Amino acid sequence: MTAKLLIGAALLAAAAPAYAEAWDFVLVNKTGKTVKAVELSSAGQGAWVSEEVMEERENKPVRPGESHTVHFDKKECTLDVRLTFSDDVQAVFSKFNACDNAFGEFSFKGELPVVKGS
């Protein structure tokens, strides 16, 4: 009887859908450009699954020096963040750990995208 209960519990656990947790981090724009869209992917995957488009009506564009709270489903902690700027140029900021850092300062070192977490 105990074996049947354990097997039943294991089957139920396996059948339960995997729900991601809702998380967020604060993007601090130190790029010198206005951000109009934010996309996220698991680090190194290039599968942009989450997108926030900043429009004048709802999510306002993130101007230089401003910040924006980015919401995402926590499936992975280490993310690549792709920013689209008002001039339609995109930059990928690699390997930002959104679980360990509540804030990410996004900037450029020369032309190289750099993110510093805190």
C-alpha atoms as a PDB file:
ATOM      1  CA  MET A   1       0.000   0.000   0.000  1.00  0.00           C
ATOM      2  CA  THR A   2       2.791   2.430   0.883  1.00  0.00           C
ATOM      3  CA  ALA A   3       4.538   1.657  -2.401  1.00  0.00           C
ATOM      4  CA  LYS A   4       1.367   2.502  -4.342  1.00  0.00           C
ATOM      5  CA  LEU A   5       1.040   5.830  -2.507  1.00  0.00           C
ATOM      6  CA  LEU A   6       4.660   6.711  -3.202  1.00  0.00           C
ATOM      7  CA  ILE A   7       4.311   5.817  -6.876  1.00  0.00           C
ATOM      8  CA  GLY A   8       1.089   7.854  -7.115  1.00  0.00           C
ATOM      9  CA  ALA A   9       2.733  10.858  -5.459  1.00  0.00           C
ATOM     10  CA  ALA A  10       5.706  10.608  -7.809  1.00  0.00           C
ATOM     11  CA  LEU A  11       3.433  10.479 -10.850  1.00  0.00           C
ATOM     12  CA  LEU A  12       1.471  13.513  -9.680  1.00  0.00           C
ATOM     13  CA  ALA A  13       4.659  15.466  -9.061  1.00  0.00           C
ATOM     14  CA  ALA A  14       5.955  14.594 -12.522  1.00  0.00           C
ATOM     15  CA  ALA A  15       2.662  15.564 -14.152  1.00  0.00           C
ATOM     16  CA  ALA A  16       2.442  18.952 -12.415  1.00  0.00           C
ATOM     17  CA  PRO A  17       3.361  21.799 -14.751  1.00  0.00           C
ATOM     18  CA  ALA A  18       6.561  23.684 -14.004  1.00  0.00           C
ATOM     19  CA  TYR A  19       5.604  27.221 -13.089  1.00  0.00           C
ATOM     20  CA  ALA A  20       8.193  29.944 -13.335  1.00  0.00           C
ATOM     21  CA  GLU A  21       8.445  32.509 -10.600  1.00  0.00           C
ATOM     22  CA  ALA A  22       7.765  36.157 -11.381  1.00  0.00           C
ATOM     23  CA  TRP A  23      10.930  38.174 -10.761  1.00  0.00           C
ATOM     24  CA  ASP A  24      12.216  41.599 -11.663  1.00  0.00           C
ATOM     25  CA  PHE A  25      15.323  43.752 -11.727  1.00  0.00           C
ATOM     26  CA  VAL A  26      15.915  47.451 -12.226  1.00  0.00           C
ATOM     27  CA  LEU A  27      17.603  48.431 -15.483  1.00  0.00           C
ATOM     28  CA  VAL A  28      19.647  51.608 -14.978  1.00  0.00           C
ATOM     29  CA  ASN A  29      20.303  53.212 -18.366  1.00  0.00           C
ATOM     30  CA  LYS A  30      23.854  54.556 -18.502  1.00  0.00           C
ATOM     31  CA  THR A  31      24.242  53.935 -22.238  1.00  0.00           C
ATOM     32  CA  GLY A  32      23.800  57.538 -23.323  1.00  0.00           C
ATOM     33  CA  LYS A  33      20.923  56.415 -25.589  1.00  0.00           C
ATOM     34  CA  THR A  34      17.160  56.118 -25.125  1.00  0.00           C
ATOM     35  CA  VAL A  35      15.961  52.507 -24.745  1.00  0.00           C
ATOM     36  CA  LYS A  36      12.704  51.660 -26.511  1.00  0.00           C
ATOM     37  CA  ALA A  37      12.636  47.856 -26.004  1.00  0.00           C
ATOM     38  CA  VAL A  38      14.107  45.264 -23.638  1.00  0.00           C
ATOM     39  CA  GLU A  39      14.342  41.569 -24.502  1.00  0.00           C
ATOM     40  CA  LEU A  40      15.632  38.688 -22.373  1.00  0.00           C
ATOM     41  CA  SER A  41      17.129  35.298 -23.151  1.00  0.00           C
ATOM     42  CA  SER A  42      18.877  32.602 -21.161  1.00  0.00           C
ATOM     43  CA  ALA A  43      22.596  33.399 -21.410  1.00  0.00           C
ATOM     44  CA  GLY A  44      24.126  32.228 -24.679  1.00  0.00           C
ATOM     45  CA  GLN A  45      20.837  30.949 -26.141  1.00  0.00           C
ATOM     46  CA  GLY A  46      19.743  33.863 -28.329  1.00  0.00           C
ATOM     47  CA  ALA A  47      16.096  32.838 -27.836  1.00  0.00           C
ATOM     48  CA  TRP A  48      14.487  36.170 -27.010  1.00  0.00           C
ATOM     49  CA  VAL A  49      11.428  35.090 -25.031  1.00  0.00           C
ATOM     50  CA  SER A  50      10.492  38.166 -23.062  1.00  0.00           C
ATOM     51  CA  GLU A  51      10.004  41.596 -24.576  1.00  0.00           C
ATOM     52  CA  GLU A  52       8.986  44.913 -23.106  1.00  0.00           C
ATOM     53  CA  VAL A  53       8.363  47.686 -25.610  1.00  0.00           C
ATOM     54  CA  MET A  54       8.532  51.186 -24.250  1.00  0.00           C
ATOM     55  CA  GLU A  55       6.014  53.520 -25.843  1.00  0.00           C
ATOM     56  CA  GLU A  56       5.011  56.993 -24.887  1.00  0.00           C
ATOM     57  CA  ARG A  57       1.598  55.808 -23.633  1.00  0.00           C
ATOM     58  CA  GLU A  58       2.316  52.970 -21.195  1.00  0.00           C
ATOM     59  CA  ASN A  59       5.960  52.066 -20.620  1.00  0.00           C
ATOM     60  CA  LYS A  60       7.795  55.254 -21.390  1.00  0.00           C
ATOM     61  CA  PRO A  61      11.144  54.996 -23.163  1.00  0.00           C
ATOM     62  CA  VAL A  62      14.048  54.793 -20.740  1.00  0.00           C
ATOM     63  CA  ARG A  63      16.101  57.891 -21.330  1.00  0.00           C
ATOM     64  CA  PRO A  64      19.794  58.140 -20.355  1.00  0.00           C
ATOM     65  CA  GLY A  65      20.132  58.274 -16.581  1.00  0.00           C
ATOM     66  CA  GLU A  66      16.651  56.845 -15.974  1.00  0.00           C
ATOM     67  CA  SER A  67      15.699  53.408 -14.685  1.00  0.00           C
ATOM     68  CA  HIS A  68      13.009  50.866 -15.516  1.00  0.00           C
ATOM     69  CA  THR A  69      11.810  47.756 -13.689  1.00  0.00           C
ATOM     70  CA  VAL A  70      12.041  44.721 -15.963  1.00  0.00           C
ATOM     71  CA  HIS A  71       9.710  41.830 -15.117  1.00  0.00           C
ATOM     72  CA  PHE A  72      10.573  38.280 -16.132  1.00  0.00           C
ATOM     73  CA  ASP A  73       9.795  34.650 -15.366  1.00  0.00           C
ATOM     74  CA  LYS A  74      12.645  33.139 -13.411  1.00  0.00           C
ATOM     75  CA  LYS A  75      13.657  30.055 -15.338  1.00  0.00           C
ATOM     76  CA  GLU A  76      17.335  30.952 -15.411  1.00  0.00           C
ATOM     77  CA  CYS A  77      19.321  33.415 -13.343  1.00  0.00           C
ATOM     78  CA  THR A  78      21.959  34.331 -15.907  1.00  0.00           C
ATOM     79  CA  LEU A  79      20.414  36.316 -18.735  1.00  0.00           C
ATOM     80  CA  ASP A  80      21.435  38.041 -21.918  1.00  0.00           C
ATOM     81  CA  VAL A  81      19.632  41.364 -22.203  1.00  0.00           C
ATOM     82  CA  ARG A  82      19.063  42.877 -25.643  1.00  0.00           C
ATOM     83  CA  LEU A  83      18.272  46.577 -25.702  1.00  0.00           C
ATOM     84  CA  THR A  84      16.797  48.321 -28.717  1.00  0.00           C
ATOM     85  CA  PHE A  85      17.486  52.037 -28.785  1.00  0.00           C
ATOM     86  CA  SER A  86      15.430  54.851 -30.273  1.00  0.00           C
ATOM     87  CA  ASP A  87      17.635  54.798 -33.406  1.00  0.00           C
ATOM     88  CA  ASP A  88      16.751  51.058 -33.863  1.00  0.00           C
ATOM     89  CA  VAL A  89      20.315  49.967 -33.057  1.00  0.00           C
ATOM     90  CA  GLN A  90      20.436  46.896 -30.791  1.00  0.00           C
ATOM     91  CA  ALA A  91      23.045  45.809 -28.254  1.00  0.00           C
ATOM     92  CA  VAL A  92      23.288  42.551 -26.298  1.00  0.00           C
ATOM     93  CA  PHE A  93      24.511  42.747 -22.726  1.00  0.00           C
ATOM     94  CA  SER A  94      25.725  39.251 -21.835  1.00  0.00           C
ATOM     95  CA  LYS A  95      25.560  37.205 -18.664  1.00  0.00           C
ATOM     96  CA  PHE A  96      23.642  39.460 -16.276  1.00  0.00           C
ATOM     97  CA  ASN A  97      22.775  37.526 -13.102  1.00  0.00           C
ATOM     98  CA  ALA A  98      19.272  38.774 -12.298  1.00  0.00           C
ATOM     99  CA  CYS A  99      18.929  36.503  -9.243  1.00  0.00           C
ATOM    100  CA  ASP A 100      21.958  37.925  -7.450  1.00  0.00           C
ATOM    101  CA  ASN A 101      21.527  41.544  -8.578  1.00  0.00           C
ATOM    102  CA  ALA A 102      18.452  43.709  -8.050  1.00  0.00           C
ATOM    103  CA  PHE A 103      19.988  46.481 -10.171  1.00  0.00           C
ATOM    104  CA  GLY A 104      21.845  46.363 -13.473  1.00  0.00           C
ATOM    105  CA  GLU A 105      23.767  49.364 -14.751  1.00  0.00           C
ATOM    106  CA  PHE A 106      23.834  49.075 -18.541  1.00  0.00           C
ATOM    107  CA  SER A 107      26.530  51.096 -20.292  1.00  0.00           C
ATOM    108  CA  PHE A 108      29.161  50.995 -23.032  1.00  0.00           C
ATOM    109  CA  LYS A 109      32.911  50.786 -22.654  1.00  0.00           C
ATOM    110  CA  GLY A 110      33.857  52.207 -26.024  1.00  0.00           C
ATOM    111  CA  GLU A 111      31.494  50.256 -28.284  1.00  0.00           C
ATOM    112  CA  LEU A 112      31.406  47.179 -26.020  1.00  0.00           C
ATOM    113  CA  PRO A 113      28.119  46.624 -24.076  1.00  0.00           C
ATOM    114  CA  VAL A 114      28.822  46.287 -20.353  1.00  0.00           C
ATOM    115  CA  VAL A 115      26.450  45.479 -17.483  1.00  0.00           C
ATOM    116  CA  LYS A 116      27.375  45.871 -13.838  1.00  0.00           C
ATOM    117  CA  GLY A 117      25.111  44.297 -11.243  1.00  0.00           C
ATOM    118  CA  SER A 118      24.489  45.390  -7.683  1.00  0.00           C
END
